[in-house]
Structures are given as structure tokens and as C-alpha cells.
Amino acid sequence: MPLIRKFADASSGLVVLRWSFDVSTDRLWNVLTGCQTLPLWLGTHRAGNLAVGSTVKIEHAEDYICESLIGQVDPAAALEMSWKFPDESESKVSGILRSITNGAEVVLTHSNLSVDVATYLAGWETHLTYLESVLVGAPRSMDQFWDLYREIYES
């Protein structure tokens, strides 16, 4: 697993993960943001586009939609957006991509969380594990998502 670092701070509502991949930043960006690949690692695209000021809706489970206002888009380099599930207050997610010697890395930061940061840390680690499997051409079954999440959360 190319997880380089993970960090959570409950007092400030902050989660940070740094993860490397054996692909280019362009390939990483395309899989991170592609409507066809989103369901394989994050959720199903329901509305919006990656333009500053656009509202994007991603369905993570049946009728459970996260709504995000896009704040920054720099293809293959950066994405920043709000993050709002129906039963949570709004938070902020950003991803910074950069080239490294053997591929690319992403630094994912989720801030202003008002819920248990440990759940988000495990959730993002699970999602990034799924992302990695898509990038290597062996997508995982979403039916196993919560089993992996529990394993990560409990470790």
C-alpha cells in the first residue's frame, strides 16, 4: 500500500493523507475526476461538473448524496471543494497532486469536520485503497467496501 502518511486531529477537525501511485499526475487526475471511474472508488456522479462555482453531487449510497461546491480546479495539480452530506455540517476537501520520481502523489486534506475525524480518516484511506486498485487495473468490488473500512478503522 503506498500510503505515505496519515494524520487526524480531532480538536481541529482535520484529516490529511499522503499517498503515492505508480502513474502520472495526468492519469491520476483522470481517474480521480472521471465520471466513469468515480463509481469504482468514491461514488456515482449525479450532477455538476468540475468548474469553479459548479455544484457537484456524488451519490455514495442509495439516496445518500454529498453536495460539493467547486472552489478550485487546476487539472492534474489541485482540486478544492466544499463537502456536505445531508446529516453533517459543511466541511472542505482539497487534493494536491504532484509528480514524484516513480509516479505521482496526492495529498488529500479534509478540514472543518464536525464529526469523528477517525471515521473520515478510515473512510478516505478506504477510498484511496479503492482508487489505487482502479489505477492498477484491478478494481475492487464495492460490495466489500465496508468490510475494508472496518478493518482499517479498527487497526
C-alpha atoms as a PDB file:
ATOM      1  CA  MET A   1       0.000   0.000   0.000  1.00  0.00           C
ATOM      2  CA  PRO A   2       1.554   3.322  -0.994  1.00  0.00           C
ATOM      3  CA  LEU A   3       0.137   5.224   1.961  1.00  0.00           C
ATOM      4  CA  ILE A   4       2.957   7.529   2.968  1.00  0.00           C
ATOM      5  CA  ARG A   5       1.392   9.383   5.860  1.00  0.00           C
ATOM      6  CA  LYS A   6      -1.936   9.808   7.567  1.00  0.00           C
ATOM      7  CA  PHE A   7      -2.899  12.266  10.235  1.00  0.00           C
ATOM      8  CA  ALA A   8      -6.046  13.209  12.114  1.00  0.00           C
ATOM      9  CA  ASP A   9      -6.593  15.953  14.671  1.00  0.00           C
ATOM     10  CA  ALA A  10      -9.972  15.804  16.405  1.00  0.00           C
ATOM     11  CA  SER A  11      -9.613  19.201  18.075  1.00  0.00           C
ATOM     12  CA  SER A  12      -9.298  20.993  14.740  1.00  0.00           C
ATOM     13  CA  GLY A  13     -11.475  18.627  12.667  1.00  0.00           C
ATOM     14  CA  LEU A  14      -8.630  17.802  10.287  1.00  0.00           C
ATOM     15  CA  VAL A  15      -7.676  14.696   8.309  1.00  0.00           C
ATOM     16  CA  VAL A  16      -4.654  14.510   5.980  1.00  0.00           C
ATOM     17  CA  LEU A  17      -3.485  11.571   3.879  1.00  0.00           C
ATOM     18  CA  ARG A  18      -0.466  11.454   1.591  1.00  0.00           C
ATOM     19  CA  TRP A  19      -0.476   8.631  -0.937  1.00  0.00           C
ATOM     20  CA  SER A  20       1.787   7.723  -3.868  1.00  0.00           C
ATOM     21  CA  PHE A  21       0.803   5.958  -7.079  1.00  0.00           C
ATOM     22  CA  ASP A  22       2.826   4.443  -9.917  1.00  0.00           C
ATOM     23  CA  VAL A  23       1.102   6.588 -12.558  1.00  0.00           C
ATOM     24  CA  SER A  24       1.468  10.075 -13.998  1.00  0.00           C
ATOM     25  CA  THR A  25      -0.343  13.035 -12.476  1.00  0.00           C
ATOM     26  CA  ASP A  26      -2.476  13.179 -15.653  1.00  0.00           C
ATOM     27  CA  ARG A  27      -3.588   9.562 -15.232  1.00  0.00           C
ATOM     28  CA  LEU A  28      -4.217  10.074 -11.514  1.00  0.00           C
ATOM     29  CA  TRP A  29      -6.300  13.194 -12.233  1.00  0.00           C
ATOM     30  CA  ASN A  30      -8.351  11.426 -14.913  1.00  0.00           C
ATOM     31  CA  VAL A  31      -9.226   8.532 -12.611  1.00  0.00           C
ATOM     32  CA  LEU A  32      -9.839  10.822  -9.617  1.00  0.00           C
ATOM     33  CA  THR A  33     -12.265  13.004 -11.532  1.00  0.00           C
ATOM     34  CA  GLY A  34     -13.665  10.852 -14.346  1.00  0.00           C
ATOM     35  CA  CYS A  35     -17.417  10.206 -14.277  1.00  0.00           C
ATOM     36  CA  GLN A  36     -16.804   6.606 -15.405  1.00  0.00           C
ATOM     37  CA  THR A  37     -14.195   5.896 -12.735  1.00  0.00           C
ATOM     38  CA  LEU A  38     -15.774   7.756  -9.794  1.00  0.00           C
ATOM     39  CA  PRO A  39     -18.195   4.889  -9.020  1.00  0.00           C
ATOM     40  CA  LEU A  40     -15.230   2.497  -8.779  1.00  0.00           C
ATOM     41  CA  TRP A  41     -13.597   4.374  -5.904  1.00  0.00           C
ATOM     42  CA  LEU A  42     -15.850   7.112  -4.496  1.00  0.00           C
ATOM     43  CA  GLY A  43     -19.463   7.263  -5.672  1.00  0.00           C
ATOM     44  CA  THR A  44     -21.735   7.875  -8.629  1.00  0.00           C
ATOM     45  CA  HIS A  45     -21.707  11.289 -10.299  1.00  0.00           C
ATOM     46  CA  ARG A  46     -25.267  12.663 -10.285  1.00  0.00           C
ATOM     47  CA  ALA A  47     -24.885  16.338 -11.253  1.00  0.00           C
ATOM     48  CA  GLY A  48     -22.475  19.175 -11.902  1.00  0.00           C
ATOM     49  CA  ASN A  49     -19.025  19.490 -13.417  1.00  0.00           C
ATOM     50  CA  LEU A  50     -15.518  20.396 -12.387  1.00  0.00           C
ATOM     51  CA  ALA A  51     -15.772  24.113 -12.949  1.00  0.00           C
ATOM     52  CA  VAL A  52     -15.204  26.719 -10.281  1.00  0.00           C
ATOM     53  CA  GLY A  53     -18.593  27.685  -8.854  1.00  0.00           C
ATOM     54  CA  SER A  54     -20.327  24.499 -10.026  1.00  0.00           C
ATOM     55  CA  THR A  55     -22.150  22.262  -7.569  1.00  0.00           C
ATOM     56  CA  VAL A  56     -21.266  18.588  -7.934  1.00  0.00           C
ATOM     57  CA  LYS A  57     -23.421  15.831  -6.481  1.00  0.00           C
ATOM     58  CA  ILE A  58     -21.952  12.391  -5.799  1.00  0.00           C
ATOM     59  CA  GLU A  59     -24.157   9.543  -4.575  1.00  0.00           C
ATOM     60  CA  HIS A  60     -22.187   7.457  -2.071  1.00  0.00           C
ATOM     61  CA  ALA A  61     -25.020   5.062  -1.276  1.00  0.00           C
ATOM     62  CA  GLU A  62     -28.604   4.821  -2.437  1.00  0.00           C
ATOM     63  CA  ASP A  63     -30.195   8.258  -1.902  1.00  0.00           C
ATOM     64  CA  TYR A  64     -27.193   9.431   0.169  1.00  0.00           C
ATOM     65  CA  ILE A  65     -25.683  12.302  -1.777  1.00  0.00           C
ATOM     66  CA  CYS A  66     -22.733  14.519  -0.989  1.00  0.00           C
ATOM     67  CA  GLU A  67     -23.005  18.011  -2.418  1.00  0.00           C
ATOM     68  CA  SER A  68     -19.826  19.956  -3.180  1.00  0.00           C
ATOM     69  CA  LEU A  69     -19.249  23.478  -4.402  1.00  0.00           C
ATOM     70  CA  ILE A  70     -16.101  23.563  -6.538  1.00  0.00           C
ATOM     71  CA  GLY A  71     -13.691  26.239  -5.321  1.00  0.00           C
ATOM     72  CA  GLN A  72     -10.516  25.486  -7.305  1.00  0.00           C
ATOM     73  CA  VAL A  73      -9.663  23.334 -10.294  1.00  0.00           C
ATOM     74  CA  ASP A  74      -6.139  23.034 -11.661  1.00  0.00           C
ATOM     75  CA  PRO A  75      -6.132  19.870 -13.822  1.00  0.00           C
ATOM     76  CA  ALA A  76      -3.548  17.289 -12.769  1.00  0.00           C
ATOM     77  CA  ALA A  77      -2.468  19.569  -9.903  1.00  0.00           C
ATOM     78  CA  ALA A  78      -5.215  20.682  -7.486  1.00  0.00           C
ATOM     79  CA  LEU A  79      -8.890  20.419  -6.621  1.00  0.00           C
ATOM     80  CA  GLU A  80     -10.682  22.151  -3.760  1.00  0.00           C
ATOM     81  CA  MET A  81     -14.345  21.897  -2.850  1.00  0.00           C
ATOM     82  CA  SER A  82     -16.839  22.008  -0.052  1.00  0.00           C
ATOM     83  CA  TRP A  83     -18.183  18.686   1.277  1.00  0.00           C
ATOM     84  CA  LYS A  84     -21.718  18.339   2.597  1.00  0.00           C
ATOM     85  CA  PHE A  85     -23.690  15.215   3.425  1.00  0.00           C
ATOM     86  CA  PRO A  86     -27.355  15.739   4.425  1.00  0.00           C
ATOM     87  CA  ASP A  87     -26.718  14.851   8.084  1.00  0.00           C
ATOM     88  CA  GLU A  88     -23.432  16.756   8.557  1.00  0.00           C
ATOM     89  CA  SER A  89     -22.283  20.342   8.555  1.00  0.00           C
ATOM     90  CA  GLU A  90     -20.253  21.586   5.611  1.00  0.00           C
ATOM     91  CA  SER A  91     -16.538  20.831   5.524  1.00  0.00           C
ATOM     92  CA  LYS A  92     -13.775  21.271   2.960  1.00  0.00           C
ATOM     93  CA  VAL A  93     -11.768  18.797   0.861  1.00  0.00           C
ATOM     94  CA  SER A  94      -8.665  19.559  -1.140  1.00  0.00           C
ATOM     95  CA  GLY A  95      -6.366  17.395  -3.164  1.00  0.00           C
ATOM     96  CA  ILE A  96      -2.905  18.426  -4.288  1.00  0.00           C
ATOM     97  CA  LEU A  97      -1.255  16.246  -6.937  1.00  0.00           C
ATOM     98  CA  ARG A  98       2.428  16.324  -7.760  1.00  0.00           C
ATOM     99  CA  SER A  99       4.902  14.329  -9.773  1.00  0.00           C
ATOM    100  CA  ILE A 100       7.391  12.220  -7.858  1.00  0.00           C
ATOM    101  CA  THR A 101      10.292  10.057  -9.017  1.00  0.00           C
ATOM    102  CA  ASN A 102       8.231   6.931  -9.717  1.00  0.00           C
ATOM    103  CA  GLY A 103       4.838   8.429 -10.457  1.00  0.00           C
ATOM    104  CA  ALA A 104       2.523  10.804  -8.651  1.00  0.00           C
ATOM    105  CA  GLU A 105       1.278  11.517  -5.191  1.00  0.00           C
ATOM    106  CA  VAL A 106      -1.804  13.118  -3.772  1.00  0.00           C
ATOM    107  CA  VAL A 107      -2.105  14.981  -0.503  1.00  0.00           C
ATOM    108  CA  LEU A 108      -5.758  14.853   0.491  1.00  0.00           C
ATOM    109  CA  THR A 109      -6.849  17.253   3.218  1.00  0.00           C
ATOM    110  CA  HIS A 110     -10.318  17.228   4.749  1.00  0.00           C
ATOM    111  CA  SER A 111     -10.849  20.131   7.143  1.00  0.00           C
ATOM    112  CA  ASN A 112     -13.586  21.732   9.222  1.00  0.00           C
ATOM    113  CA  LEU A 113     -15.006  18.330  10.138  1.00  0.00           C
ATOM    114  CA  SER A 114     -17.634  18.395  12.859  1.00  0.00           C
ATOM    115  CA  VAL A 115     -17.898  14.606  13.114  1.00  0.00           C
ATOM    116  CA  ASP A 116     -15.474  11.973  14.412  1.00  0.00           C
ATOM    117  CA  VAL A 117     -12.281  12.504  12.398  1.00  0.00           C
ATOM    118  CA  ALA A 118     -11.292   8.848  12.895  1.00  0.00           C
ATOM    119  CA  THR A 119     -14.266   7.787  10.766  1.00  0.00           C
ATOM    120  CA  TYR A 120     -13.206  10.142   7.984  1.00  0.00           C
ATOM    121  CA  LEU A 121      -9.567   9.063   8.221  1.00  0.00           C
ATOM    122  CA  ALA A 122     -10.582   5.415   7.789  1.00  0.00           C
ATOM    123  CA  GLY A 123     -13.070   6.378   5.082  1.00  0.00           C
ATOM    124  CA  TRP A 124     -10.532   8.253   2.992  1.00  0.00           C
ATOM    125  CA  GLU A 125      -7.951   5.507   3.468  1.00  0.00           C
ATOM    126  CA  THR A 126     -10.528   3.008   2.206  1.00  0.00           C
ATOM    127  CA  HIS A 127     -11.465   5.202  -0.759  1.00  0.00           C
ATOM    128  CA  LEU A 128      -7.815   5.724  -1.690  1.00  0.00           C
ATOM    129  CA  THR A 129      -7.222   1.969  -1.490  1.00  0.00           C
ATOM    130  CA  TYR A 130     -10.065   1.590  -3.981  1.00  0.00           C
ATOM    131  CA  LEU A 131      -8.585   4.358  -6.148  1.00  0.00           C
ATOM    132  CA  GLU A 132      -5.261   2.555  -6.202  1.00  0.00           C
ATOM    133  CA  SER A 133      -6.946  -0.671  -7.323  1.00  0.00           C
ATOM    134  CA  VAL A 134      -8.577   1.186 -10.230  1.00  0.00           C
ATOM    135  CA  LEU A 135      -5.227   2.692 -11.215  1.00  0.00           C
ATOM    136  CA  VAL A 136      -3.546  -0.741 -11.351  1.00  0.00           C
ATOM    137  CA  GLY A 137      -6.391  -2.157 -13.434  1.00  0.00           C
ATOM    138  CA  ALA A 138      -7.919  -4.375 -10.745  1.00  0.00           C
ATOM    139  CA  PRO A 139     -10.960  -2.529  -9.346  1.00  0.00           C
ATOM    140  CA  ARG A 140     -12.313  -3.892  -6.069  1.00  0.00           C
ATOM    141  CA  SER A 141     -15.944  -4.805  -5.604  1.00  0.00           C
ATOM    142  CA  MET A 142     -17.841  -2.025  -3.855  1.00  0.00           C
ATOM    143  CA  ASP A 143     -19.697  -4.800  -2.010  1.00  0.00           C
ATOM    144  CA  GLN A 144     -16.539  -5.213   0.082  1.00  0.00           C
ATOM    145  CA  PHE A 145     -16.090  -1.505   0.872  1.00  0.00           C
ATOM    146  CA  TRP A 146     -17.481  -1.579   4.418  1.00  0.00           C
ATOM    147  CA  ASP A 147     -15.524  -4.722   5.342  1.00  0.00           C
ATOM    148  CA  LEU A 148     -12.273  -2.993   4.352  1.00  0.00           C
ATOM    149  CA  TYR A 149     -13.385   0.205   6.091  1.00  0.00           C
ATOM    150  CA  ARG A 150     -13.981  -1.674   9.374  1.00  0.00           C
ATOM    151  CA  GLU A 151     -10.619  -3.403   9.075  1.00  0.00           C
ATOM    152  CA  ILE A 152      -8.849  -0.061   8.588  1.00  0.00           C
ATOM    153  CA  TYR A 153     -10.879   1.703  11.276  1.00  0.00           C
ATOM    154  CA  GLU A 154     -10.177  -0.998  13.856  1.00  0.00           C
ATOM    155  CA  SER A 155      -6.432  -1.164  13.135  1.00  0.00           C
END
